[in-house]
Amino acid sequence: MSDKCIRSVSAAAMAGYQDLSDFERSVIVGAREMRHIISEIAMKFGFARTTISEVYREYGVSGKTSNVRHRCGWKKTLKELDH
């Protein structure tokens, strides 16, 4: 695997599927789109192979890399409270 194509993401060590940031999801999708195999991505970034598979499968179905649930539990902004 070429170091020019993929860079390490140190904060991603064994993150769970729901815990990934949009950036980490994009890194996974980008690496898969560049034809890197799941085991290579897992070793390079520290993601579980199942996490990589789930993120890429979700991307294939929805075409999105963002986590739909990322705002769960966030407090509403003042604008949202005013309405």
PDB file of N, CA and C in Angstrom:
ATOM      1  N   MET A   1       0.851  -1.167   0.000  1.00  0.00           N
ATOM      2  CA  MET A   1       0.000   0.000   0.000  1.00  0.00           C
ATOM      3  C   MET A   1       0.897   1.230   0.000  1.00  0.00           C
ATOM      4  N   SER A   2       0.572   2.180  -0.789  1.00  0.00           N
ATOM      5  CA  SER A   2       1.383   3.376  -0.932  1.00  0.00           C
ATOM      6  C   SER A   2       1.083   4.384   0.167  1.00  0.00           C
ATOM      7  N   ASP A   3       2.131   4.902   0.815  1.00  0.00           N
ATOM      8  CA  ASP A   3       1.946   5.936   1.834  1.00  0.00           C
ATOM      9  C   ASP A   3       1.507   7.248   1.219  1.00  0.00           C
ATOM     10  N   LYS A   4       1.704   7.409  -0.082  1.00  0.00           N
ATOM     11  CA  LYS A   4       1.276   8.634  -0.756  1.00  0.00           C
ATOM     12  C   LYS A   4      -0.244   8.691  -0.867  1.00  0.00           C
ATOM     13  N   CYS A   5      -0.888   7.540  -0.933  1.00  0.00           N
ATOM     14  CA  CYS A   5      -2.338   7.497  -1.128  1.00  0.00           C
ATOM     15  C   CYS A   5      -3.103   7.578   0.180  1.00  0.00           C
ATOM     16  N   ILE A   6      -2.587   6.966   1.230  1.00  0.00           N
ATOM     17  CA  ILE A   6      -3.313   6.902   2.496  1.00  0.00           C
ATOM     18  C   ILE A   6      -2.400   7.374   3.619  1.00  0.00           C
ATOM     19  N   ARG A   7      -2.933   8.234   4.452  1.00  0.00           N
ATOM     20  CA  ARG A   7      -2.200   8.721   5.621  1.00  0.00           C
ATOM     21  C   ARG A   7      -2.842   8.165   6.884  1.00  0.00           C
ATOM     22  N   SER A   8      -2.072   8.004   7.934  1.00  0.00           N
ATOM     23  CA  SER A   8      -2.604   7.485   9.190  1.00  0.00           C
ATOM     24  C   SER A   8      -3.466   8.518   9.885  1.00  0.00           C
ATOM     25  N   VAL A   9      -4.501   8.041  10.529  1.00  0.00           N
ATOM     26  CA  VAL A   9      -5.370   8.881  11.339  1.00  0.00           C
ATOM     27  C   VAL A   9      -5.247   8.359  12.757  1.00  0.00           C
ATOM     28  N   SER A  10      -4.464   9.025  13.586  1.00  0.00           N
ATOM     29  CA  SER A  10      -4.127   8.496  14.897  1.00  0.00           C
ATOM     30  C   SER A  10      -5.322   8.398  15.840  1.00  0.00           C
ATOM     31  N   ALA A  11      -6.285   9.287  15.754  1.00  0.00           N
ATOM     32  CA  ALA A  11      -7.417   9.288  16.678  1.00  0.00           C
ATOM     33  C   ALA A  11      -8.433   8.203  16.352  1.00  0.00           C
ATOM     34  N   ALA A  12      -8.215   7.478  15.294  1.00  0.00           N
ATOM     35  CA  ALA A  12      -9.213   6.514  14.847  1.00  0.00           C
ATOM     36  C   ALA A  12      -9.026   5.118  15.425  1.00  0.00           C
ATOM     37  N   ALA A  13      -8.121   4.955  16.347  1.00  0.00           N
ATOM     38  CA  ALA A  13      -7.784   3.626  16.821  1.00  0.00           C
ATOM     39  C   ALA A  13      -9.000   2.863  17.328  1.00  0.00           C
ATOM     40  N   MET A  14      -9.378   1.836  16.551  1.00  0.00           N
ATOM     41  CA  MET A  14     -10.475   0.935  16.874  1.00  0.00           C
ATOM     42  C   MET A  14     -11.777   1.647  17.241  1.00  0.00           C
ATOM     43  N   ALA A  15     -12.096   2.686  16.520  1.00  0.00           N
ATOM     44  CA  ALA A  15     -13.359   3.379  16.734  1.00  0.00           C
ATOM     45  C   ALA A  15     -14.512   2.487  16.300  1.00  0.00           C
ATOM     46  N   GLY A  16     -15.617   2.568  17.044  1.00  0.00           N
ATOM     47  CA  GLY A  16     -16.800   1.800  16.677  1.00  0.00           C
ATOM     48  C   GLY A  16     -17.503   2.449  15.495  1.00  0.00           C
ATOM     49  N   TYR A  17     -18.352   1.688  14.873  1.00  0.00           N
ATOM     50  CA  TYR A  17     -19.043   2.142  13.667  1.00  0.00           C
ATOM     51  C   TYR A  17     -19.780   3.459  13.898  1.00  0.00           C
ATOM     52  N   GLN A  18     -20.502   3.597  14.975  1.00  0.00           N
ATOM     53  CA  GLN A  18     -21.278   4.809  15.242  1.00  0.00           C
ATOM     54  C   GLN A  18     -20.407   5.963  15.752  1.00  0.00           C
ATOM     55  N   ASP A  19     -19.190   5.677  16.181  1.00  0.00           N
ATOM     56  CA  ASP A  19     -18.314   6.688  16.765  1.00  0.00           C
ATOM     57  C   ASP A  19     -17.451   7.418  15.741  1.00  0.00           C
ATOM     58  N   LEU A  20     -17.515   7.050  14.493  1.00  0.00           N
ATOM     59  CA  LEU A  20     -16.644   7.644  13.478  1.00  0.00           C
ATOM     60  C   LEU A  20     -17.108   9.043  13.095  1.00  0.00           C
ATOM     61  N   SER A  21     -16.145   9.916  12.888  1.00  0.00           N
ATOM     62  CA  SER A  21     -16.461  11.256  12.393  1.00  0.00           C
ATOM     63  C   SER A  21     -16.709  11.181  10.890  1.00  0.00           C
ATOM     64  N   ASP A  22     -17.270  12.240  10.346  1.00  0.00           N
ATOM     65  CA  ASP A  22     -17.490  12.298   8.902  1.00  0.00           C
ATOM     66  C   ASP A  22     -16.169  12.173   8.148  1.00  0.00           C
ATOM     67  N   PHE A  23     -15.115  12.780   8.699  1.00  0.00           N
ATOM     68  CA  PHE A  23     -13.801  12.706   8.060  1.00  0.00           C
ATOM     69  C   PHE A  23     -13.303  11.262   8.012  1.00  0.00           C
ATOM     70  N   GLU A  24     -13.425  10.540   9.132  1.00  0.00           N
ATOM     71  CA  GLU A  24     -12.963   9.153   9.178  1.00  0.00           C
ATOM     72  C   GLU A  24     -13.754   8.278   8.195  1.00  0.00           C
ATOM     73  N   ARG A  25     -15.060   8.518   8.107  1.00  0.00           N
ATOM     74  CA  ARG A  25     -15.878   7.782   7.149  1.00  0.00           C
ATOM     75  C   ARG A  25     -15.422   8.078   5.717  1.00  0.00           C
ATOM     76  N   SER A  26     -15.116   9.338   5.453  1.00  0.00           N
ATOM     77  CA  SER A  26     -14.648   9.723   4.113  1.00  0.00           C
ATOM     78  C   SER A  26     -13.311   9.076   3.781  1.00  0.00           C
ATOM     79  N   VAL A  27     -12.435   8.963   4.779  1.00  0.00           N
ATOM     80  CA  VAL A  27     -11.139   8.312   4.581  1.00  0.00           C
ATOM     81  C   VAL A  27     -11.353   6.847   4.191  1.00  0.00           C
ATOM     82  N   ILE A  28     -12.261   6.174   4.888  1.00  0.00           N
ATOM     83  CA  ILE A  28     -12.538   4.767   4.592  1.00  0.00           C
ATOM     84  C   ILE A  28     -13.084   4.618   3.179  1.00  0.00           C
ATOM     85  N   VAL A  29     -14.074   5.426   2.836  1.00  0.00           N
ATOM     86  CA  VAL A  29     -14.676   5.345   1.503  1.00  0.00           C
ATOM     87  C   VAL A  29     -13.635   5.671   0.431  1.00  0.00           C
ATOM     88  N   GLY A  30     -12.831   6.697   0.675  1.00  0.00           N
ATOM     89  CA  GLY A  30     -11.797   7.064  -0.289  1.00  0.00           C
ATOM     90  C   GLY A  30     -10.794   5.952  -0.512  1.00  0.00           C
ATOM     91  N   ALA A  31     -10.388   5.312   0.579  1.00  0.00           N
ATOM     92  CA  ALA A  31      -9.424   4.218   0.455  1.00  0.00           C
ATOM     93  C   ALA A  31     -10.024   3.045  -0.318  1.00  0.00           C
ATOM     94  N   ARG A  32     -11.289   2.730  -0.047  1.00  0.00           N
ATOM     95  CA  ARG A  32     -11.947   1.638  -0.777  1.00  0.00           C
ATOM     96  C   ARG A  32     -12.129   1.996  -2.248  1.00  0.00           C
ATOM     97  N   GLU A  33     -12.460   3.259  -2.518  1.00  0.00           N
ATOM     98  CA  GLU A  33     -12.619   3.698  -3.909  1.00  0.00           C
ATOM     99  C   GLU A  33     -11.291   3.624  -4.666  1.00  0.00           C
ATOM    100  N   MET A  34     -10.193   3.751  -3.932  1.00  0.00           N
ATOM    101  CA  MET A  34      -8.864   3.647  -4.544  1.00  0.00           C
ATOM    102  C   MET A  34      -8.416   2.187  -4.637  1.00  0.00           C
ATOM    103  N   ARG A  35      -9.335   1.265  -4.370  1.00  0.00           N
ATOM    104  CA  ARG A  35      -9.131  -0.182  -4.517  1.00  0.00           C
ATOM    105  C   ARG A  35      -8.222  -0.791  -3.453  1.00  0.00           C
ATOM    106  N   HIS A  36      -8.068  -0.126  -2.297  1.00  0.00           N
ATOM    107  CA  HIS A  36      -7.321  -0.742  -1.198  1.00  0.00           C
ATOM    108  C   HIS A  36      -8.224  -1.775  -0.545  1.00  0.00           C
ATOM    109  N   ILE A  37      -7.647  -2.895  -0.146  1.00  0.00           N
ATOM    110  CA  ILE A  37      -8.455  -3.950   0.460  1.00  0.00           C
ATOM    111  C   ILE A  37      -8.712  -3.622   1.932  1.00  0.00           C
ATOM    112  N   ILE A  38      -9.770  -4.226   2.443  1.00  0.00           N
ATOM    113  CA  ILE A  38     -10.227  -3.930   3.801  1.00  0.00           C
ATOM    114  C   ILE A  38      -9.135  -4.194   4.830  1.00  0.00           C
ATOM    115  N   SER A  39      -8.401  -5.282   4.688  1.00  0.00           N
ATOM    116  CA  SER A  39      -7.337  -5.603   5.653  1.00  0.00           C
ATOM    117  C   SER A  39      -6.254  -4.541   5.678  1.00  0.00           C
ATOM    118  N   GLU A  40      -5.903  -3.997   4.518  1.00  0.00           N
ATOM    119  CA  GLU A  40      -4.888  -2.929   4.454  1.00  0.00           C
ATOM    120  C   GLU A  40      -5.372  -1.686   5.205  1.00  0.00           C
ATOM    121  N   ILE A  41      -6.615  -1.311   4.970  1.00  0.00           N
ATOM    122  CA  ILE A  41      -7.175  -0.124   5.619  1.00  0.00           C
ATOM    123  C   ILE A  41      -7.233  -0.342   7.131  1.00  0.00           C
ATOM    124  N   ALA A  42      -7.630  -1.529   7.539  1.00  0.00           N
ATOM    125  CA  ALA A  42      -7.710  -1.856   8.968  1.00  0.00           C
ATOM    126  C   ALA A  42      -6.341  -1.741   9.640  1.00  0.00           C
ATOM    127  N   MET A  43      -5.312  -2.269   8.987  1.00  0.00           N
ATOM    128  CA  MET A  43      -3.965  -2.207   9.562  1.00  0.00           C
ATOM    129  C   MET A  43      -3.436  -0.775   9.591  1.00  0.00           C
ATOM    130  N   LYS A  44      -3.684  -0.011   8.533  1.00  0.00           N
ATOM    131  CA  LYS A  44      -3.126   1.334   8.417  1.00  0.00           C
ATOM    132  C   LYS A  44      -3.775   2.315   9.389  1.00  0.00           C
ATOM    133  N   PHE A  45      -5.097   2.219   9.554  1.00  0.00           N
ATOM    134  CA  PHE A  45      -5.820   3.212  10.340  1.00  0.00           C
ATOM    135  C   PHE A  45      -6.317   2.725  11.690  1.00  0.00           C
ATOM    136  N   GLY A  46      -6.293   1.426  11.915  1.00  0.00           N
ATOM    137  CA  GLY A  46      -6.728   0.898  13.201  1.00  0.00           C
ATOM    138  C   GLY A  46      -8.234   0.704  13.311  1.00  0.00           C
ATOM    139  N   PHE A  47      -8.953   0.744  12.205  1.00  0.00           N
ATOM    140  CA  PHE A  47     -10.387   0.461  12.219  1.00  0.00           C
ATOM    141  C   PHE A  47     -10.593  -1.051  12.191  1.00  0.00           C
ATOM    142  N   ALA A  48     -11.684  -1.506  12.787  1.00  0.00           N
ATOM    143  CA  ALA A  48     -12.040  -2.913  12.675  1.00  0.00           C
ATOM    144  C   ALA A  48     -12.485  -3.186  11.237  1.00  0.00           C
ATOM    145  N   ARG A  49     -12.219  -4.388  10.752  1.00  0.00           N
ATOM    146  CA  ARG A  49     -12.621  -4.733   9.383  1.00  0.00           C
ATOM    147  C   ARG A  49     -14.132  -4.649   9.207  1.00  0.00           C
ATOM    148  N   THR A  50     -14.874  -5.033  10.237  1.00  0.00           N
ATOM    149  CA  THR A  50     -16.334  -4.947  10.134  1.00  0.00           C
ATOM    150  C   THR A  50     -16.801  -3.501  10.036  1.00  0.00           C
ATOM    151  N   THR A  51     -16.118  -2.600  10.725  1.00  0.00           N
ATOM    152  CA  THR A  51     -16.453  -1.176  10.653  1.00  0.00           C
ATOM    153  C   THR A  51     -16.244  -0.664   9.237  1.00  0.00           C
ATOM    154  N   ILE A  52     -15.130  -1.033   8.634  1.00  0.00           N
ATOM    155  CA  ILE A  52     -14.831  -0.610   7.263  1.00  0.00           C
ATOM    156  C   ILE A  52     -15.900  -1.140   6.312  1.00  0.00           C
ATOM    157  N   SER A  53     -16.263  -2.400   6.483  1.00  0.00           N
ATOM    158  CA  SER A  53     -17.292  -2.995   5.635  1.00  0.00           C
ATOM    159  C   SER A  53     -18.626  -2.278   5.786  1.00  0.00           C
ATOM    160  N   GLU A  54     -19.021  -1.980   7.014  1.00  0.00           N
ATOM    161  CA  GLU A  54     -20.292  -1.302   7.271  1.00  0.00           C
ATOM    162  C   GLU A  54     -20.321   0.104   6.672  1.00  0.00           C
ATOM    163  N   VAL A  55     -19.242   0.849   6.848  1.00  0.00           N
ATOM    164  CA  VAL A  55     -19.181   2.210   6.307  1.00  0.00           C
ATOM    165  C   VAL A  55     -19.264   2.174   4.787  1.00  0.00           C
ATOM    166  N   TYR A  56     -18.533   1.268   4.162  1.00  0.00           N
ATOM    167  CA  TYR A  56     -18.536   1.217   2.702  1.00  0.00           C
ATOM    168  C   TYR A  56     -19.868   0.691   2.166  1.00  0.00           C
ATOM    169  N   ARG A  57     -20.470  -0.254   2.875  1.00  0.00           N
ATOM    170  CA  ARG A  57     -21.789  -0.762   2.474  1.00  0.00           C
ATOM    171  C   ARG A  57     -22.830   0.352   2.559  1.00  0.00           C
ATOM    172  N   GLU A  58     -22.789   1.112   3.653  1.00  0.00           N
ATOM    173  CA  GLU A  58     -23.717   2.233   3.820  1.00  0.00           C
ATOM    174  C   GLU A  58     -23.534   3.259   2.701  1.00  0.00           C
ATOM    175  N   TYR A  59     -22.278   3.520   2.343  1.00  0.00           N
ATOM    176  CA  TYR A  59     -21.987   4.446   1.249  1.00  0.00           C
ATOM    177  C   TYR A  59     -22.552   3.921  -0.074  1.00  0.00           C
ATOM    178  N   GLY A  60     -22.411   2.628  -0.311  1.00  0.00           N
ATOM    179  CA  GLY A  60     -22.928   2.039  -1.540  1.00  0.00           C
ATOM    180  C   GLY A  60     -24.444   2.119  -1.641  1.00  0.00           C
ATOM    181  N   VAL A  61     -25.136   2.020  -0.503  1.00  0.00           N
ATOM    182  CA  VAL A  61     -26.596   2.060  -0.477  1.00  0.00           C
ATOM    183  C   VAL A  61     -27.114   3.494  -0.569  1.00  0.00           C
ATOM    184  N   SER A  62     -26.556   4.379   0.257  1.00  0.00           N
ATOM    185  CA  SER A  62     -27.095   5.741   0.352  1.00  0.00           C
ATOM    186  C   SER A  62     -26.304   6.774  -0.452  1.00  0.00           C
ATOM    187  N   GLY A  63     -25.052   6.463  -0.761  1.00  0.00           N
ATOM    188  CA  GLY A  63     -24.208   7.428  -1.456  1.00  0.00           C
ATOM    189  C   GLY A  63     -23.668   8.509  -0.544  1.00  0.00           C
ATOM    190  N   LYS A  64     -23.867   8.352   0.773  1.00  0.00           N
ATOM    191  CA  LYS A  64     -23.421   9.359   1.745  1.00  0.00           C
ATOM    192  C   LYS A  64     -22.398   8.749   2.683  1.00  0.00           C
ATOM    193  N   THR A  65     -21.479   9.593   3.136  1.00  0.00           N
ATOM    194  CA  THR A  65     -20.490   9.122   4.108  1.00  0.00           C
ATOM    195  C   THR A  65     -20.779   9.638   5.505  1.00  0.00           C
ATOM    196  N   SER A  66     -21.714  10.566   5.647  1.00  0.00           N
ATOM    197  CA  SER A  66     -21.968  11.147   6.961  1.00  0.00           C
ATOM    198  C   SER A  66     -22.863  10.245   7.790  1.00  0.00           C
ATOM    199  N   ASN A  67     -22.709  10.337   9.091  1.00  0.00           N
ATOM    200  CA  ASN A  67     -23.517   9.581  10.028  1.00  0.00           C
ATOM    201  C   ASN A  67     -24.818  10.335  10.246  1.00  0.00           C
ATOM    202  N   VAL A  68     -25.927   9.745   9.898  1.00  0.00           N
ATOM    203  CA  VAL A  68     -27.227  10.404   9.995  1.00  0.00           C
ATOM    204  C   VAL A  68     -27.556  10.755  11.439  1.00  0.00           C
ATOM    205  N   ARG A  69     -27.076   9.969  12.367  1.00  0.00           N
ATOM    206  CA  ARG A  69     -27.416  10.168  13.772  1.00  0.00           C
ATOM    207  C   ARG A  69     -26.466  11.109  14.500  1.00  0.00           C
ATOM    208  N   HIS A  70     -25.609  11.827  13.800  1.00  0.00           N
ATOM    209  CA  HIS A  70     -24.578  12.613  14.484  1.00  0.00           C
ATOM    210  C   HIS A  70     -25.122  13.747  15.335  1.00  0.00           C
ATOM    211  N   ARG A  71     -26.373  14.180  15.160  1.00  0.00           N
ATOM    212  CA  ARG A  71     -26.936  15.246  15.978  1.00  0.00           C
ATOM    213  C   ARG A  71     -27.797  14.735  17.124  1.00  0.00           C
ATOM    214  N   CYS A  72     -27.906  13.437  17.284  1.00  0.00           N
ATOM    215  CA  CYS A  72     -28.714  12.890  18.374  1.00  0.00           C
ATOM    216  C   CYS A  72     -28.220  13.428  19.712  1.00  0.00           C
ATOM    217  N   GLY A  73     -29.128  13.970  20.477  1.00  0.00           N
ATOM    218  CA  GLY A  73     -28.774  14.443  21.804  1.00  0.00           C
ATOM    219  C   GLY A  73     -28.196  15.838  21.857  1.00  0.00           C
ATOM    220  N   TRP A  74     -27.931  16.455  20.715  1.00  0.00           N
ATOM    221  CA  TRP A  74     -27.406  17.815  20.737  1.00  0.00           C
ATOM    222  C   TRP A  74     -28.501  18.768  21.184  1.00  0.00           C
ATOM    223  N   LYS A  75     -28.103  19.778  21.927  1.00  0.00           N
ATOM    224  CA  LYS A  75     -29.053  20.805  22.328  1.00  0.00           C
ATOM    225  C   LYS A  75     -29.388  21.671  21.121  1.00  0.00           C
ATOM    226  N   LYS A  76     -30.609  22.154  21.090  1.00  0.00           N
ATOM    227  CA  LYS A  76     -31.039  22.999  19.987  1.00  0.00           C
ATOM    228  C   LYS A  76     -30.380  24.364  20.086  1.00  0.00           C
ATOM    229  N   THR A  77     -30.146  24.957  18.939  1.00  0.00           N
ATOM    230  CA  THR A  77     -29.578  26.303  18.922  1.00  0.00           C
ATOM    231  C   THR A  77     -30.656  27.303  19.303  1.00  0.00           C
ATOM    232  N   LEU A  78     -30.278  28.532  19.594  1.00  0.00           N
ATOM    233  CA  LEU A  78     -31.251  29.547  19.974  1.00  0.00           C
ATOM    234  C   LEU A  78     -32.282  29.772  18.876  1.00  0.00           C
ATOM    235  N   LYS A  79     -31.852  29.745  17.620  1.00  0.00           N
ATOM    236  CA  LYS A  79     -32.782  29.926  16.514  1.00  0.00           C
ATOM    237  C   LYS A  79     -33.861  28.832  16.514  1.00  0.00           C
ATOM    238  N   GLU A  80     -33.443  27.602  16.756  1.00  0.00           N
ATOM    239  CA  GLU A  80     -34.390  26.490  16.774  1.00  0.00           C
ATOM    240  C   GLU A  80     -35.354  26.607  17.939  1.00  0.00           C
ATOM    241  N   LEU A  81     -34.901  27.152  19.072  1.00  0.00           N
ATOM    242  CA  LEU A  81     -35.747  27.303  20.244  1.00  0.00           C
ATOM    243  C   LEU A  81     -36.749  28.429  20.075  1.00  0.00           C
ATOM    244  N   ASP A  82     -36.423  29.448  19.291  1.00  0.00           N
ATOM    245  CA  ASP A  82     -37.297  30.595  19.101  1.00  0.00           C
ATOM    246  C   ASP A  82     -38.536  30.258  18.282  1.00  0.00           C
ATOM    247  N   HIS A  83     -38.479  29.201  17.490  1.00  0.00           N
ATOM    248  CA  HIS A  83     -39.627  28.875  16.607  1.00  0.00           C
ATOM    249  C   HIS A  83     -40.651  28.046  17.282  1.00  0.00           C
TER     250      HIS A  83
END
